[in-house]
């Protein structure tokens, strides 16, 4: 993302399902380099989402949303039906 910014590309977006690695990148390596984050989920609760994405996936997505709110980073929730 830094290379894109340095090349004059002003709008950068990231799509994630909230994995711990993605949270780490946003906290450290991508801080201030992403304009909008799309958080992808497959259900409105852990039971439904985790049945598709695996155990703990919903918790990770919600932790990502909490981080984005804390940092005032714009985000959108995307869902697959």
C-alpha atoms as a PDB file:
ATOM      1  CA  UNK A   1       0.000   0.000   0.000  1.00  0.00           C
ATOM      2  CA  UNK A   2       2.865   2.327   0.736  1.00  0.00           C
ATOM      3  CA  UNK A   3       4.191   1.800  -2.814  1.00  0.00           C
ATOM      4  CA  UNK A   4       0.780   2.704  -4.211  1.00  0.00           C
ATOM      5  CA  UNK A   5       0.624   5.879  -2.134  1.00  0.00           C
ATOM      6  CA  UNK A   6       4.169   6.817  -3.130  1.00  0.00           C
ATOM      7  CA  UNK A   7       3.158   6.324  -6.793  1.00  0.00           C
ATOM      8  CA  UNK A   8       0.369   8.864  -6.372  1.00  0.00           C
ATOM      9  CA  UNK A   9      -2.543   6.463  -6.098  1.00  0.00           C
ATOM     10  CA  UNK A  10      -4.719   8.208  -3.564  1.00  0.00           C
ATOM     11  CA  UNK A  11      -7.475   5.734  -2.811  1.00  0.00           C
ATOM     12  CA  UNK A  12      -6.623   2.377  -1.294  1.00  0.00           C
ATOM     13  CA  UNK A  13      -9.092  -0.166  -0.009  1.00  0.00           C
ATOM     14  CA  UNK A  14      -8.645  -3.447   1.787  1.00  0.00           C
ATOM     15  CA  UNK A  15     -10.977  -6.450   1.872  1.00  0.00           C
ATOM     16  CA  UNK A  16     -10.656  -8.766   4.878  1.00  0.00           C
ATOM     17  CA  UNK A  17     -12.598 -11.211   6.979  1.00  0.00           C
ATOM     18  CA  UNK A  18     -10.787  -9.967  10.082  1.00  0.00           C
ATOM     19  CA  UNK A  19      -8.046 -12.533  10.498  1.00  0.00           C
ATOM     20  CA  UNK A  20      -5.491 -11.800  13.219  1.00  0.00           C
ATOM     21  CA  UNK A  21      -2.855 -11.232  10.502  1.00  0.00           C
ATOM     22  CA  UNK A  22      -5.028  -8.591   8.833  1.00  0.00           C
ATOM     23  CA  UNK A  23      -5.579  -6.860  12.181  1.00  0.00           C
ATOM     24  CA  UNK A  24      -1.826  -6.855  12.781  1.00  0.00           C
ATOM     25  CA  UNK A  25      -1.188  -5.327   9.347  1.00  0.00           C
ATOM     26  CA  UNK A  26      -3.738  -2.579   9.949  1.00  0.00           C
ATOM     27  CA  UNK A  27      -2.328  -1.817  13.389  1.00  0.00           C
ATOM     28  CA  UNK A  28       1.311  -1.683  12.319  1.00  0.00           C
ATOM     29  CA  UNK A  29       2.225  -1.865   8.644  1.00  0.00           C
ATOM     30  CA  UNK A  30      -0.790  -0.234   6.997  1.00  0.00           C
ATOM     31  CA  UNK A  31      -1.595   2.408   9.587  1.00  0.00           C
ATOM     32  CA  UNK A  32      -2.780   5.481   7.700  1.00  0.00           C
ATOM     33  CA  UNK A  33      -2.380   3.856   4.279  1.00  0.00           C
ATOM     34  CA  UNK A  34      -5.887   2.446   3.810  1.00  0.00           C
ATOM     35  CA  UNK A  35      -8.861   4.699   3.091  1.00  0.00           C
ATOM     36  CA  UNK A  36     -11.623   2.135   3.421  1.00  0.00           C
ATOM     37  CA  UNK A  37     -11.809  -1.403   4.767  1.00  0.00           C
ATOM     38  CA  UNK A  38     -14.379  -3.964   3.665  1.00  0.00           C
ATOM     39  CA  UNK A  39     -15.079  -6.546   6.375  1.00  0.00           C
ATOM     40  CA  UNK A  40     -16.582  -9.683   4.875  1.00  0.00           C
ATOM     41  CA  UNK A  41     -18.930 -11.927   6.842  1.00  0.00           C
ATOM     42  CA  UNK A  42     -21.255 -14.771   5.873  1.00  0.00           C
ATOM     43  CA  UNK A  43     -23.852 -14.517   8.605  1.00  0.00           C
ATOM     44  CA  UNK A  44     -25.321 -12.238  11.258  1.00  0.00           C
ATOM     45  CA  UNK A  45     -24.176 -14.453  14.129  1.00  0.00           C
ATOM     46  CA  UNK A  46     -21.273 -16.703  15.008  1.00  0.00           C
ATOM     47  CA  UNK A  47     -23.259 -19.883  14.447  1.00  0.00           C
ATOM     48  CA  UNK A  48     -24.040 -19.083  10.823  1.00  0.00           C
ATOM     49  CA  UNK A  49     -20.783 -17.312   9.944  1.00  0.00           C
ATOM     50  CA  UNK A  50     -18.519 -19.898  11.552  1.00  0.00           C
ATOM     51  CA  UNK A  51     -20.349 -22.748   9.837  1.00  0.00           C
ATOM     52  CA  UNK A  52     -19.112 -21.253   6.546  1.00  0.00           C
ATOM     53  CA  UNK A  53     -15.773 -19.672   7.560  1.00  0.00           C
ATOM     54  CA  UNK A  54     -14.636 -21.885  10.413  1.00  0.00           C
ATOM     55  CA  UNK A  55     -14.591 -21.634  14.198  1.00  0.00           C
ATOM     56  CA  UNK A  56     -13.796 -18.181  15.527  1.00  0.00           C
ATOM     57  CA  UNK A  57     -14.189 -16.367  12.199  1.00  0.00           C
ATOM     58  CA  UNK A  58     -17.122 -14.262  13.408  1.00  0.00           C
ATOM     59  CA  UNK A  59     -15.228 -13.274  16.556  1.00  0.00           C
ATOM     60  CA  UNK A  60     -12.266 -12.202  14.410  1.00  0.00           C
ATOM     61  CA  UNK A  61     -14.501 -10.130  12.132  1.00  0.00           C
ATOM     62  CA  UNK A  62     -16.110  -8.402  15.131  1.00  0.00           C
ATOM     63  CA  UNK A  63     -12.658  -7.694  16.609  1.00  0.00           C
ATOM     64  CA  UNK A  64     -11.658  -6.106  13.300  1.00  0.00           C
ATOM     65  CA  UNK A  65     -14.763  -3.917  13.360  1.00  0.00           C
ATOM     66  CA  UNK A  66     -13.964  -2.848  16.935  1.00  0.00           C
ATOM     67  CA  UNK A  67     -10.416  -1.916  15.882  1.00  0.00           C
ATOM     68  CA  UNK A  68     -11.670   0.077  12.900  1.00  0.00           C
ATOM     69  CA  UNK A  69     -14.148   1.959  15.093  1.00  0.00           C
ATOM     70  CA  UNK A  70     -11.445   2.659  17.676  1.00  0.00           C
ATOM     71  CA  UNK A  71      -9.147   4.072  14.993  1.00  0.00           C
ATOM     72  CA  UNK A  72     -11.974   5.917  13.212  1.00  0.00           C
ATOM     73  CA  UNK A  73     -11.097   4.046   9.998  1.00  0.00           C
ATOM     74  CA  UNK A  74     -14.018   4.012   7.549  1.00  0.00           C
ATOM     75  CA  UNK A  75     -15.355   0.523   6.911  1.00  0.00           C
ATOM     76  CA  UNK A  76     -18.160  -1.315   5.170  1.00  0.00           C
ATOM     77  CA  UNK A  77     -19.560  -4.702   6.091  1.00  0.00           C
ATOM     78  CA  UNK A  78     -20.025  -6.973   3.121  1.00  0.00           C
ATOM     79  CA  UNK A  79     -22.048 -10.169   3.277  1.00  0.00           C
ATOM     80  CA  UNK A  80     -22.434 -13.118   0.971  1.00  0.00           C
ATOM     81  CA  UNK A  81     -25.937 -14.554   0.806  1.00  0.00           C
END
